[in-house]
Amino acid sequence: MPEGKSENIEDVMAEMLEGGWVRKEEVCNRLGIGSDVLELCMKWEIICTPEPRIDGALLFPESMLDRLSRGLRLHRDLEINWPGVSVTLDLLDRLHKLEAQLQHQSDQRFYKDPED
């Protein structure tokens, strides 16, 4: 580290942690929300509440940011209440899984050996 220069604690906390984990403060910063909104999203199971680390920090998987972002848009743009956002996201996730299964089955039939 250059002489006379120390790391700012905010800079250290904003860094993405190894393994795709993000601190609670960074989630709020990236999505432009307050911790109160994040708490509501955890309460209504829009995202899962992570287990706190020994030091008390909450770490969220980076992959969760997309689901949370979609939930925030549903609430803001379509004015769906938080319980409705949770149900909507669950249904959309199930729909996506079913579409993937159908695509997989379709691919298997297409590439199936005609002699079978």
Protein backbone atom coordinates (compact mmCIF):
# COMPACT_ATOMS: atom_id res chain seq x y z
CA MET A 1 0.00 0.00 0.00
CA PRO A 2 1.43 3.47 -0.85
CA GLU A 3 2.91 5.41 2.02
CA GLY A 4 0.47 7.74 3.77
CA LYS A 5 -2.54 6.11 2.18
CA SER A 6 -4.86 3.79 4.10
CA GLU A 7 -7.82 1.81 2.89
CA ASN A 8 -11.20 3.39 3.48
CA ILE A 9 -13.51 1.04 5.41
CA GLU A 10 -16.38 1.77 2.98
CA ASP A 11 -14.20 0.67 0.06
CA VAL A 12 -13.34 -2.56 1.83
CA MET A 13 -16.98 -3.32 2.69
CA ALA A 14 -18.18 -2.63 -0.86
CA GLU A 15 -15.90 -5.22 -2.41
CA MET A 16 -17.54 -8.41 -3.57
CA LEU A 17 -16.42 -11.25 -1.38
CA GLU A 18 -14.90 -14.41 -2.80
CA GLY A 19 -17.27 -17.09 -3.97
CA GLY A 20 -20.00 -14.76 -5.22
CA TRP A 21 -21.13 -13.45 -1.84
CA VAL A 22 -22.19 -9.85 -1.25
CA ARG A 23 -22.59 -7.95 2.01
CA LYS A 24 -25.97 -6.55 3.00
CA GLU A 25 -24.74 -2.97 2.53
CA GLU A 26 -23.54 -3.70 -0.99
CA VAL A 27 -26.88 -5.28 -1.95
CA CYS A 28 -28.64 -2.09 -0.84
CA ASN A 29 -26.12 0.11 -2.68
CA ARG A 30 -26.34 -1.85 -5.94
CA LEU A 31 -30.14 -1.85 -6.01
CA GLY A 32 -30.64 1.62 -4.57
CA ILE A 33 -32.75 0.47 -1.65
CA GLY A 34 -32.63 0.96 2.09
CA SER A 35 -32.10 -1.77 4.61
CA ASP A 36 -35.78 -1.46 5.56
CA VAL A 37 -36.85 -2.56 2.06
CA LEU A 38 -34.34 -5.41 2.15
CA GLU A 39 -35.79 -6.50 5.50
CA LEU A 40 -39.31 -6.49 3.98
CA CYS A 41 -38.10 -8.63 1.10
CA MET A 42 -36.63 -11.13 3.52
CA LYS A 43 -39.79 -11.07 5.64
CA TRP A 44 -41.97 -11.93 2.63
CA GLU A 45 -39.45 -14.53 1.40
CA ILE A 46 -38.74 -12.72 -1.83
CA ILE A 47 -35.18 -13.61 -0.94
CA CYS A 48 -33.97 -16.01 1.72
CA THR A 49 -32.54 -14.62 4.92
CA PRO A 50 -28.91 -15.71 5.08
CA GLU A 51 -27.30 -17.03 8.22
CA PRO A 52 -25.16 -14.32 9.82
CA ARG A 53 -21.44 -14.92 10.02
CA ILE A 54 -19.63 -15.05 13.33
CA ASP A 55 -18.92 -11.33 13.06
CA GLY A 56 -22.66 -10.66 12.53
CA ALA A 57 -22.37 -9.70 8.85
CA LEU A 58 -25.11 -10.86 6.51
CA LEU A 59 -23.82 -12.25 3.21
CA PHE A 60 -26.11 -12.81 0.26
CA PRO A 61 -25.35 -14.95 -2.79
CA GLU A 62 -24.66 -12.80 -5.86
CA SER A 63 -27.22 -14.86 -7.79
CA MET A 64 -29.96 -13.57 -5.47
CA LEU A 65 -29.56 -10.02 -6.81
CA ASP A 66 -31.47 -10.85 -10.01
CA ARG A 67 -34.49 -12.23 -8.12
CA LEU A 68 -34.49 -9.27 -5.77
CA SER A 69 -34.22 -6.83 -8.67
CA ARG A 70 -37.18 -8.48 -10.44
CA GLY A 71 -39.19 -8.33 -7.22
CA LEU A 72 -38.45 -4.65 -6.75
CA ARG A 73 -39.59 -3.94 -10.33
CA LEU A 74 -42.83 -5.88 -9.82
CA HIS A 75 -43.53 -3.87 -6.67
CA ARG A 76 -42.58 -0.50 -8.17
CA ASP A 77 -43.84 -0.79 -11.75
CA LEU A 78 -46.92 -2.98 -11.32
CA GLU A 79 -47.69 -1.93 -7.74
CA ILE A 80 -47.93 -5.54 -6.58
CA ASN A 81 -47.84 -5.83 -2.79
CA TRP A 82 -44.96 -7.72 -1.15
CA PRO A 83 -46.83 -11.01 -0.56
CA GLY A 84 -47.98 -10.89 -4.20
CA VAL A 85 -44.42 -10.26 -5.36
CA SER A 86 -43.26 -13.36 -3.49
CA VAL A 87 -45.98 -15.54 -5.06
CA THR A 88 -45.37 -14.06 -8.53
CA LEU A 89 -41.64 -14.72 -8.37
CA ASP A 90 -42.21 -18.29 -7.19
CA LEU A 91 -44.63 -18.90 -10.07
CA LEU A 92 -42.22 -17.36 -12.59
CA ASP A 93 -39.41 -19.59 -11.25
CA ARG A 94 -41.62 -22.68 -11.59
CA LEU A 95 -42.60 -21.64 -15.11
CA HIS A 96 -38.94 -21.22 -16.05
CA LYS A 97 -38.11 -24.72 -14.71
CA LEU A 98 -41.02 -26.26 -16.62
CA GLU A 99 -39.95 -24.53 -19.83
CA ALA A 100 -36.42 -25.85 -19.35
CA GLN A 101 -37.76 -29.38 -18.81
CA LEU A 102 -39.90 -29.17 -21.94
CA GLN A 103 -36.96 -27.90 -23.95
CA HIS A 104 -34.81 -30.74 -22.65
CA GLN A 105 -37.45 -33.32 -23.58
CA SER A 106 -37.86 -31.74 -27.00
CA ASP A 107 -34.11 -31.82 -27.56
CA GLN A 108 -33.97 -35.49 -26.57
CA ARG A 109 -36.71 -36.42 -29.05
CA PHE A 110 -35.05 -34.43 -31.81
CA TYR A 111 -31.67 -36.08 -31.30
CA LYS A 112 -33.02 -39.54 -30.56
CA ASP A 113 -31.64 -42.29 -32.78
CA PRO A 114 -34.46 -43.45 -35.13
CA GLU A 115 -33.34 -47.09 -34.73
CA ASP A 116 -34.20 -47.10 -31.01
